């Protein structure tokens, strides 16, 4: 699903039943390091916890050159909850243009009794 499709979505029922990660536009911060911000949306139908966002950056030959991990805020999401993240890549001086984002998480079973 591309970012251009988001304005056309009417409700969560049309989204895939998964945890969705969307990265925004990459930029180079004042220190000269690349950073990427984005959002995470929980559309699993269950609350989740221990949420992390993983980033893999590829070079022009599609070879992985860098990976990073961050905890979004908040790291616990109810169904339909949204969190945000920012990944700073120290030492990487170019904008991130070719990357793969994916979430890792656990079901939040604290209220299951």
Protein backbone atom coordinates (compact mmCIF):
# COMPACT_ATOMS: atom_id res chain seq x y z
CA UNK A 1 0.00 0.00 0.00
CA UNK A 2 1.50 3.33 -0.98
CA UNK A 3 1.24 6.56 1.00
CA UNK A 4 -0.93 8.04 -1.78
CA UNK A 5 -3.70 5.54 -0.93
CA UNK A 6 -4.12 6.78 2.65
CA UNK A 7 -6.37 9.79 1.82
CA UNK A 8 -8.83 7.43 0.08
CA UNK A 9 -9.24 5.12 3.08
CA UNK A 10 -12.61 5.64 4.76
CA UNK A 11 -12.18 3.42 7.81
CA UNK A 12 -9.96 0.73 9.30
CA UNK A 13 -12.02 -2.05 7.66
CA UNK A 14 -10.39 -1.34 4.29
CA UNK A 15 -6.85 -1.58 5.70
CA UNK A 16 -5.07 -4.95 5.83
CA UNK A 17 -5.35 -6.78 9.19
CA UNK A 18 -1.78 -6.21 10.32
CA UNK A 19 0.56 -3.72 11.96
CA UNK A 20 1.30 -1.08 9.31
CA UNK A 21 4.51 0.99 9.26
CA UNK A 22 4.77 4.06 7.03
CA UNK A 23 7.92 6.12 6.72
CA UNK A 24 7.82 9.78 5.86
CA UNK A 25 10.34 11.82 3.94
CA UNK A 26 13.93 11.30 4.97
CA UNK A 27 16.11 14.29 5.72
CA UNK A 28 19.59 15.15 6.95
CA UNK A 29 19.54 16.78 10.40
CA UNK A 30 21.71 19.64 11.69
CA UNK A 31 24.46 17.20 12.75
CA UNK A 32 24.69 15.86 9.18
CA UNK A 33 23.12 12.50 10.00
CA UNK A 34 20.22 11.00 8.05
CA UNK A 35 16.91 10.53 9.84
CA UNK A 36 13.58 9.01 8.94
CA UNK A 37 10.29 9.65 10.74
CA UNK A 38 7.03 7.81 10.37
CA UNK A 39 3.96 6.26 11.95
CA UNK A 40 2.81 2.82 13.05
CA UNK A 41 -0.86 1.78 12.94
CA UNK A 42 -2.25 -1.26 14.76
CA UNK A 43 -5.01 -2.85 12.67
CA UNK A 44 -4.69 -6.42 13.99
CA UNK A 45 -7.91 -6.41 15.99
CA UNK A 46 -5.99 -6.98 19.25
CA UNK A 47 -3.84 -4.72 21.46
CA UNK A 48 -0.07 -5.07 21.07
CA UNK A 49 2.97 -4.30 23.24
CA UNK A 50 6.75 -4.29 22.87
CA UNK A 51 6.45 -2.54 19.53
CA UNK A 52 9.69 -1.84 17.65
CA UNK A 53 10.35 -0.46 14.18
CA UNK A 54 13.17 -1.96 12.12
CA UNK A 55 14.81 -0.21 9.18
CA UNK A 56 17.03 -1.76 6.51
CA UNK A 57 18.74 0.65 4.08
CA UNK A 58 19.84 -0.56 0.64
CA UNK A 59 22.45 0.82 -1.76
CA UNK A 60 21.91 1.39 -5.50
CA UNK A 61 22.56 -2.33 -6.19
CA UNK A 62 19.84 -3.42 -3.72
CA UNK A 63 22.42 -4.66 -1.20
CA UNK A 64 21.71 -3.96 2.49
CA UNK A 65 24.20 -1.47 3.87
CA UNK A 66 22.68 -0.45 7.19
CA UNK A 67 20.05 -1.51 9.68
CA UNK A 68 18.56 0.26 12.68
CA UNK A 69 15.94 -0.33 15.35
CA UNK A 70 13.86 2.08 17.42
CA UNK A 71 10.99 2.07 19.90
CA UNK A 72 8.05 4.16 18.71
CA UNK A 73 6.10 6.31 21.12
CA UNK A 74 3.95 4.75 22.52
CA UNK A 75 5.25 1.16 22.29
CA UNK A 76 1.87 -0.27 23.40
CA UNK A 77 -1.10 0.19 21.07
CA UNK A 78 -4.78 -0.65 21.30
CA UNK A 79 -6.64 -1.70 18.14
CA UNK A 80 -6.62 1.32 15.82
CA UNK A 81 -3.88 3.05 17.82
CA UNK A 82 -1.19 5.11 16.14
CA UNK A 83 2.35 5.77 17.32
CA UNK A 84 5.20 7.73 15.81
CA UNK A 85 8.92 7.09 15.45
CA UNK A 86 12.15 8.74 14.37
CA UNK A 87 15.24 6.78 13.42
CA UNK A 88 18.54 8.69 13.34
CA UNK A 89 21.38 7.05 11.41
CA UNK A 90 24.69 8.39 12.75
CA UNK A 91 27.39 8.34 10.11
CA UNK A 92 24.95 8.02 7.19
CA UNK A 93 25.18 11.41 5.46
CA UNK A 94 22.62 10.93 2.66
CA UNK A 95 18.84 10.89 2.72
CA UNK A 96 17.30 7.43 2.96
CA UNK A 97 15.76 6.72 -0.44
CA UNK A 98 15.75 2.93 -0.72
CA UNK A 99 14.71 1.14 2.46
CA UNK A 100 12.47 -1.48 4.03
CA UNK A 101 10.54 -0.81 7.25
CA UNK A 102 8.93 -3.55 9.31
CA UNK A 103 7.48 -3.84 12.83
CA UNK A 104 8.09 -6.41 15.56
CA UNK A 105 5.63 -6.74 18.44
CA UNK A 106 3.86 -9.07 20.87
CA UNK A 107 0.18 -9.47 21.64
CA UNK A 108 -0.80 -7.58 24.78
CA UNK A 109 -2.59 -10.25 26.78
CA UNK A 110 -2.57 -8.34 30.09
CA UNK A 111 -6.36 -7.87 29.94
CA UNK A 112 -7.15 -11.43 28.85
CA UNK A 113 -8.53 -13.25 31.84
